[in-house]
Amino acid sequence: MKIGVLFLHGFSGGPYEVQPFAHYIEQRIDWVVSIPTFSGHGDAENLAMKGYKAEHWMMEAEIAYRQLKKQVDEVIVVGFSMGGVIAMYLSIRYPVKKLVLLSAAAKYVSPTQLVKDIRAIAQDMVHNKLEENELFARYKFKFKNVPLSATIEFMKVVKKTEPYIKNIHCPTFIVQGELDGIVPSATAHILFQQIQSQQKQMYISDCGKHHICYSDDCEQWFDQVYQFLME
């Protein structure tokens, strides 16, 4: 039986957000891996998000799913952040063998963690270490290149999917960082309760921030999710 894995990246991001986990899987098993780039997205320097709507991104995910399904017997969907929300949407509409949600943005912006992150950026600014701050480096392009209209469309993706989360029944693995400044860590527990699958697991990373595929303990959860996918 041929298996395909569809990876969906996050809002204002690109394939690089899920690439470490995709690479981990590709090194271990001969599955067909697909990592599409949503319209207006990509590398931080090349964002051009103006004019794109929630419907564009959701439709593009559907097209990517259908294209992959033509090549394989069964599809696993892995979604990061907004991609996690769209992955849930796909699992409600299409046959999905297994679902993996990474920092899934069913709720967004954790005020307490965001304040801590902003303080850390401010301290680095005072000590002229700003360029060494990983968070600042990752987001400085986005502050300039993500229009408010695109952020509103992202919120629409969440609102369109939220009422149907209880209809998810496929085996699901949720991964969430405790130190995520974008998605409150409580989101993972809410999703775990709402999803109706008989087979569901959760990994909370004590050191993980939003970009969970780059967490210090990523190899640990990569291995757990991989075992889950192989079962």
Protein backbone atom coordinates (compact mmCIF):
# COMPACT_ATOMS: atom_id res chain seq x y z
CA MET A 1 0.00 0.00 0.00
CA LYS A 2 1.39 3.38 -1.04
CA ILE A 3 1.30 6.17 1.56
CA GLY A 4 1.48 9.91 0.91
CA VAL A 5 2.20 12.64 3.48
CA LEU A 6 0.85 16.14 2.86
CA PHE A 7 2.65 18.84 4.90
CA LEU A 8 0.93 22.22 5.31
CA HIS A 9 2.95 25.20 6.56
CA GLY A 10 1.74 28.14 8.63
CA PHE A 11 0.41 31.65 8.05
CA SER A 12 3.01 33.98 6.51
CA GLY A 13 5.47 31.08 6.52
CA GLY A 14 6.63 28.49 4.02
CA PRO A 15 7.77 24.87 3.63
CA TYR A 16 10.85 25.60 5.78
CA GLU A 17 8.56 25.52 8.85
CA VAL A 18 7.86 21.78 8.44
CA GLN A 19 10.98 20.76 6.50
CA PRO A 20 12.91 19.26 9.47
CA PHE A 21 10.11 16.76 10.19
CA ALA A 22 9.51 16.06 6.48
CA HIS A 23 13.25 15.34 6.11
CA TYR A 24 13.13 13.02 9.16
CA ILE A 25 10.36 10.97 7.53
CA GLU A 26 12.00 10.93 4.08
CA GLN A 27 15.21 9.52 5.60
CA ARG A 28 13.34 6.61 7.17
CA ILE A 29 10.64 5.42 4.80
CA ASP A 30 9.73 5.52 1.14
CA TRP A 31 6.54 7.56 1.37
CA VAL A 32 5.48 10.21 -1.15
CA VAL A 33 5.96 13.63 0.52
CA SER A 34 4.23 16.78 -0.70
CA ILE A 35 4.88 20.28 0.75
CA PRO A 36 2.92 22.91 -1.21
CA THR A 37 3.43 26.66 -0.71
CA PHE A 38 0.26 28.70 -0.15
CA SER A 39 -0.29 31.74 -2.39
CA GLY A 40 1.54 34.84 -1.17
CA HIS A 41 3.69 32.75 1.17
CA GLY A 42 7.25 31.40 1.05
CA ASP A 43 10.55 32.69 2.38
CA ALA A 44 10.16 35.67 4.71
CA GLU A 45 11.89 38.03 2.23
CA ASN A 46 9.48 37.10 -0.58
CA LEU A 47 6.07 37.41 1.08
CA ALA A 48 3.40 38.96 -1.16
CA MET A 49 0.20 38.25 0.72
CA LYS A 50 -1.99 41.16 -0.29
CA GLY A 51 -5.21 40.15 -2.04
CA TYR A 52 -5.18 36.50 -1.02
CA LYS A 53 -8.10 35.15 0.97
CA ALA A 54 -8.85 32.27 3.32
CA GLU A 55 -10.65 30.52 0.45
CA HIS A 56 -7.47 30.56 -1.68
CA TRP A 57 -5.41 28.76 0.96
CA MET A 58 -8.11 26.23 1.82
CA MET A 59 -8.75 25.45 -1.84
CA GLU A 60 -5.00 25.10 -2.52
CA ALA A 61 -4.78 22.56 0.31
CA GLU A 62 -7.69 20.63 -1.22
CA ILE A 63 -6.00 20.63 -4.65
CA ALA A 64 -2.70 19.45 -3.09
CA TYR A 65 -4.58 16.66 -1.28
CA ARG A 66 -6.33 15.53 -4.48
CA GLN A 67 -3.09 15.58 -6.49
CA LEU A 68 -1.33 13.49 -3.84
CA LYS A 69 -4.28 11.09 -3.55
CA LYS A 70 -3.97 10.31 -7.28
CA GLN A 71 -0.46 8.94 -6.62
CA VAL A 72 -1.11 6.99 -3.40
CA ASP A 73 -3.64 4.74 -1.65
CA GLU A 74 -3.82 6.66 1.63
CA VAL A 75 -2.94 10.19 2.77
CA ILE A 76 -1.51 11.38 6.09
CA VAL A 77 -1.85 15.13 6.72
CA VAL A 78 0.63 17.08 8.86
CA GLY A 79 -0.24 20.72 9.53
CA PHE A 80 1.72 23.45 11.31
CA SER A 81 -0.01 26.51 12.85
CA MET A 82 -2.57 27.77 10.27
CA GLY A 83 -1.66 24.65 8.28
CA GLY A 84 -2.83 22.63 11.29
CA VAL A 85 -6.23 24.30 11.11
CA ILE A 86 -6.43 23.62 7.36
CA ALA A 87 -5.30 20.02 8.02
CA MET A 88 -8.28 19.62 10.35
CA TYR A 89 -10.53 21.05 7.62
CA LEU A 90 -9.18 18.46 5.14
CA SER A 91 -9.68 15.60 7.62
CA ILE A 92 -13.35 16.56 7.93
CA ARG A 93 -13.91 16.73 4.16
CA TYR A 94 -11.69 13.91 2.85
CA PRO A 95 -10.44 10.46 3.90
CA VAL A 96 -7.30 11.07 5.99
CA LYS A 97 -5.42 8.04 7.34
CA LYS A 98 -3.80 10.00 10.19
CA LEU A 99 -3.64 13.64 11.25
CA VAL A 100 -0.68 15.40 12.89
CA LEU A 101 -1.22 18.87 14.35
CA LEU A 102 1.88 20.95 15.11
CA SER A 103 1.25 24.19 17.07
CA ALA A 104 -2.21 24.16 15.47
CA ALA A 105 -3.57 27.72 15.57
CA ALA A 106 -7.14 26.93 16.62
CA LYS A 107 -6.59 29.74 19.17
CA TYR A 108 -3.95 32.39 18.60
CA VAL A 109 -1.64 34.71 20.51
CA SER A 110 -0.66 33.71 24.01
CA PRO A 111 -0.43 37.08 25.82
CA THR A 112 1.77 35.89 28.72
CA GLN A 113 4.37 34.21 26.50
CA LEU A 114 4.27 37.08 24.00
CA VAL A 115 5.08 39.56 26.79
CA LYS A 116 8.05 37.39 27.84
CA ASP A 117 9.29 37.20 24.26
CA ILE A 118 8.95 40.98 23.77
CA ARG A 119 10.88 41.56 27.03
CA ALA A 120 13.65 39.26 25.79
CA ILE A 121 13.79 41.19 22.50
CA ALA A 122 13.92 44.48 24.43
CA GLN A 123 16.79 43.21 26.61
CA ASP A 124 18.72 42.05 23.55
CA MET A 125 18.12 45.46 21.99
CA VAL A 126 19.63 47.19 25.07
CA HIS A 127 22.68 44.91 24.96
CA ASN A 128 23.08 45.21 21.15
CA LYS A 129 22.36 41.51 20.70
CA LEU A 130 19.19 41.89 18.65
CA GLU A 131 20.55 40.11 15.58
CA GLU A 132 21.23 37.05 17.78
CA ASN A 133 17.59 36.92 18.90
CA GLU A 134 16.01 34.03 17.01
CA LEU A 135 12.44 35.30 17.43
CA PHE A 136 13.29 38.80 16.20
CA ALA A 137 15.19 37.41 13.20
CA ARG A 138 12.24 35.23 12.23
CA TYR A 139 9.62 37.95 12.53
CA LYS A 140 11.35 41.17 11.44
CA PHE A 141 10.47 40.57 7.77
CA LYS A 142 6.93 39.58 8.64
CA PHE A 143 6.22 42.80 10.52
CA LYS A 144 6.90 44.69 7.29
CA ASN A 145 5.40 42.28 4.78
CA VAL A 146 2.17 40.89 6.29
CA PRO A 147 -0.80 43.20 5.61
CA LEU A 148 -3.64 43.41 8.14
CA SER A 149 -6.06 42.12 5.47
CA ALA A 150 -4.08 38.84 5.31
CA THR A 151 -4.20 38.47 9.10
CA ILE A 152 -8.00 38.89 8.98
CA GLU A 153 -8.15 36.13 6.32
CA PHE A 154 -6.12 33.86 8.61
CA MET A 155 -8.68 34.45 11.37
CA LYS A 156 -11.41 33.46 8.88
CA VAL A 157 -9.67 30.09 8.30
CA VAL A 158 -9.90 29.45 12.06
CA LYS A 159 -13.53 30.58 12.28
CA LYS A 160 -14.59 28.44 9.30
CA THR A 161 -13.04 25.30 10.82
CA GLU A 162 -13.75 25.74 14.53
CA PRO A 163 -17.39 24.52 14.57
CA TYR A 164 -16.46 21.23 12.88
CA ILE A 165 -13.49 20.10 15.00
CA LYS A 166 -15.83 17.75 16.89
CA ASN A 167 -16.39 15.91 13.57
CA ILE A 168 -12.75 14.73 13.37
CA HIS A 169 -12.56 10.96 13.90
CA CYS A 170 -9.26 9.94 12.28
CA PRO A 171 -6.24 9.00 14.47
CA THR A 172 -4.62 12.26 15.61
CA PHE A 173 -1.31 13.28 17.18
CA ILE A 174 -1.02 16.80 18.66
CA VAL A 175 2.35 18.47 19.30
CA GLN A 176 2.52 21.79 21.16
CA GLY A 177 5.25 23.96 22.70
CA GLU A 178 4.72 25.14 26.26
CA LEU A 179 6.56 28.40 25.41
CA ASP A 180 4.58 29.18 22.24
CA GLY A 181 4.01 32.95 22.03
CA ILE A 182 1.58 32.68 19.10
CA VAL A 183 -0.66 29.74 19.98
CA PRO A 184 -1.51 29.38 23.70
CA SER A 185 -0.34 25.97 24.93
CA ALA A 186 -3.83 25.34 26.35
CA THR A 187 -5.02 25.06 22.72
CA ALA A 188 -3.54 21.56 22.46
CA HIS A 189 -5.58 20.37 25.46
CA ILE A 190 -8.77 21.94 24.04
CA LEU A 191 -8.21 20.22 20.68
CA PHE A 192 -7.44 16.91 22.40
CA GLN A 193 -10.83 17.09 24.15
CA GLN A 194 -12.79 18.25 21.09
CA ILE A 195 -11.42 15.77 18.54
CA GLN A 196 -13.53 12.63 18.65
CA SER A 197 -10.91 10.13 17.50
CA GLN A 198 -10.62 6.86 19.42
CA GLN A 199 -6.88 6.98 18.79
CA LYS A 200 -5.23 10.25 19.84
CA GLN A 201 -1.94 11.25 21.43
CA MET A 202 -0.37 14.48 22.59
CA TYR A 203 3.19 15.68 23.17
CA ILE A 204 3.80 18.90 25.08
CA SER A 205 7.34 20.23 24.64
CA ASP A 206 8.57 22.02 27.78
CA CYS A 207 11.13 23.97 25.77
CA GLY A 208 9.16 24.32 22.51
CA LYS A 209 8.16 27.70 21.08
CA HIS A 210 5.87 28.25 18.10
CA HIS A 211 8.24 26.88 15.43
CA ILE A 212 8.02 23.45 17.01
CA CYS A 213 9.98 21.65 14.26
CA TYR A 214 13.03 23.61 15.49
CA SER A 215 12.56 22.89 19.22
CA ASP A 216 15.54 21.52 21.16
CA ASP A 217 13.61 18.30 21.81
CA CYS A 218 12.32 17.92 18.24
CA GLU A 219 14.11 14.59 17.65
CA GLN A 220 12.21 13.19 20.64
CA TRP A 221 8.77 14.08 19.33
CA PHE A 222 9.74 13.36 15.70
CA ASP A 223 10.37 9.79 16.84
CA GLN A 224 7.08 9.53 18.78
CA VAL A 225 5.02 10.87 15.88
CA TYR A 226 6.85 8.62 13.42
CA GLN A 227 6.02 5.56 15.59
CA PHE A 228 2.38 6.71 15.68
CA LEU A 229 2.32 7.00 11.88
CA MET A 230 3.85 3.53 11.49
CA GLU A 231 1.32 1.79 13.77
